[in-house]
Amino acid sequence: MRIDDYLSTVGIIKRRTIAKEKADNGLVEVNGRKVKPSYEVKLGDIIVIRGSQPFTAEVLALPTGSVAKDARAGYYRPL
């Protein structure tokens, strides 16, 4: 799953277009490296989002489709 899709699906970022813009502008890092929106997320990845509201999380699971709001917390662990 692409990182821009992952961030929006699990609710870390509200919309995929915003996630894509952040990655395009170098504000998204995975395991210490800046990534493009097409980066394929893997289990155990540490995602860091820089900007006005910085956020760090570990990937716990990859969704296969839409995720209900109350189930989103099971896909990542904030650090």
Protein backbone atom coordinates (compact mmCIF):
# COMPACT_ATOMS: atom_id res chain seq x y z
CA MET A 1 0.00 0.00 0.00
CA ARG A 2 1.33 3.45 -0.92
CA ILE A 3 2.23 5.72 1.99
CA ASP A 4 -0.16 8.50 0.94
CA ASP A 5 -3.00 5.96 0.81
CA TYR A 6 -1.98 4.39 4.14
CA LEU A 7 -1.86 7.75 5.96
CA SER A 8 -5.35 8.70 4.79
CA THR A 9 -6.93 5.24 5.19
CA VAL A 10 -5.87 4.87 8.84
CA GLY A 11 -6.77 8.49 9.62
CA ILE A 12 -3.33 9.92 10.38
CA ILE A 13 -3.89 12.55 7.67
CA LYS A 14 -7.42 13.53 6.72
CA ARG A 15 -7.16 13.35 2.91
CA ARG A 16 -4.91 11.48 0.51
CA THR A 17 -4.13 14.65 -1.47
CA ILE A 18 -2.76 16.28 1.68
CA ALA A 19 -0.64 13.19 2.43
CA LYS A 20 0.68 13.25 -1.15
CA GLU A 21 1.57 16.96 -0.89
CA LYS A 22 3.43 16.41 2.40
CA ALA A 23 5.45 13.56 0.88
CA ASP A 24 6.16 15.59 -2.28
CA ASN A 25 7.45 18.44 -0.09
CA GLY A 26 9.81 16.17 1.88
CA LEU A 27 7.81 16.24 5.13
CA VAL A 28 7.28 12.46 5.36
CA GLU A 29 10.09 10.15 6.47
CA VAL A 30 10.11 6.38 6.88
CA ASN A 31 12.88 4.78 8.92
CA GLY A 32 14.89 8.03 8.76
CA ARG A 33 14.64 8.54 4.97
CA LYS A 34 12.45 11.02 3.13
CA VAL A 35 10.02 9.16 0.88
CA LYS A 36 7.85 9.86 -2.13
CA PRO A 37 4.06 9.30 -2.07
CA SER A 38 4.53 6.02 -3.93
CA TYR A 39 6.63 4.42 -1.15
CA GLU A 40 5.23 0.97 -0.28
CA VAL A 41 4.56 0.77 3.48
CA LYS A 42 5.78 -2.34 5.32
CA LEU A 43 5.02 -3.74 8.78
CA GLY A 44 7.28 -2.23 11.41
CA ASP A 45 8.05 0.95 9.45
CA ILE A 46 8.51 4.07 11.58
CA ILE A 47 6.73 7.00 9.93
CA VAL A 48 7.62 10.59 10.85
CA ILE A 49 5.51 13.48 9.59
CA ARG A 50 7.11 16.88 9.95
CA GLY A 51 5.41 20.25 9.80
CA SER A 52 3.19 22.35 12.05
CA GLN A 53 1.78 19.20 13.73
CA PRO A 54 4.63 16.67 13.86
CA PHE A 55 3.66 13.02 14.34
CA THR A 56 5.56 9.74 14.68
CA ALA A 57 4.05 6.25 14.47
CA GLU A 58 4.97 2.60 13.94
CA VAL A 59 3.04 0.57 11.35
CA LEU A 60 1.33 -2.39 13.05
CA ALA A 61 -0.89 -3.64 10.22
CA LEU A 62 -1.78 -2.87 6.61
CA PRO A 63 -5.46 -2.36 5.76
CA THR A 64 -6.91 -4.18 2.77
CA GLY A 65 -9.79 -1.77 2.24
CA SER A 66 -11.70 0.93 4.06
CA VAL A 67 -11.18 1.16 7.82
CA ALA A 68 -13.89 2.14 10.31
CA LYS A 69 -13.00 5.09 12.54
CA ASP A 70 -13.09 3.00 15.71
CA ALA A 71 -10.72 0.39 14.20
CA ARG A 72 -8.05 2.81 12.93
CA ALA A 73 -5.95 2.74 16.11
CA GLY A 74 -5.14 -0.94 15.53
CA TYR A 75 -3.12 -0.15 12.40
CA TYR A 76 -0.46 2.09 13.97
CA ARG A 77 1.11 2.91 17.32
CA PRO A 78 1.98 6.56 18.06
CA LEU A 79 5.52 7.02 19.35
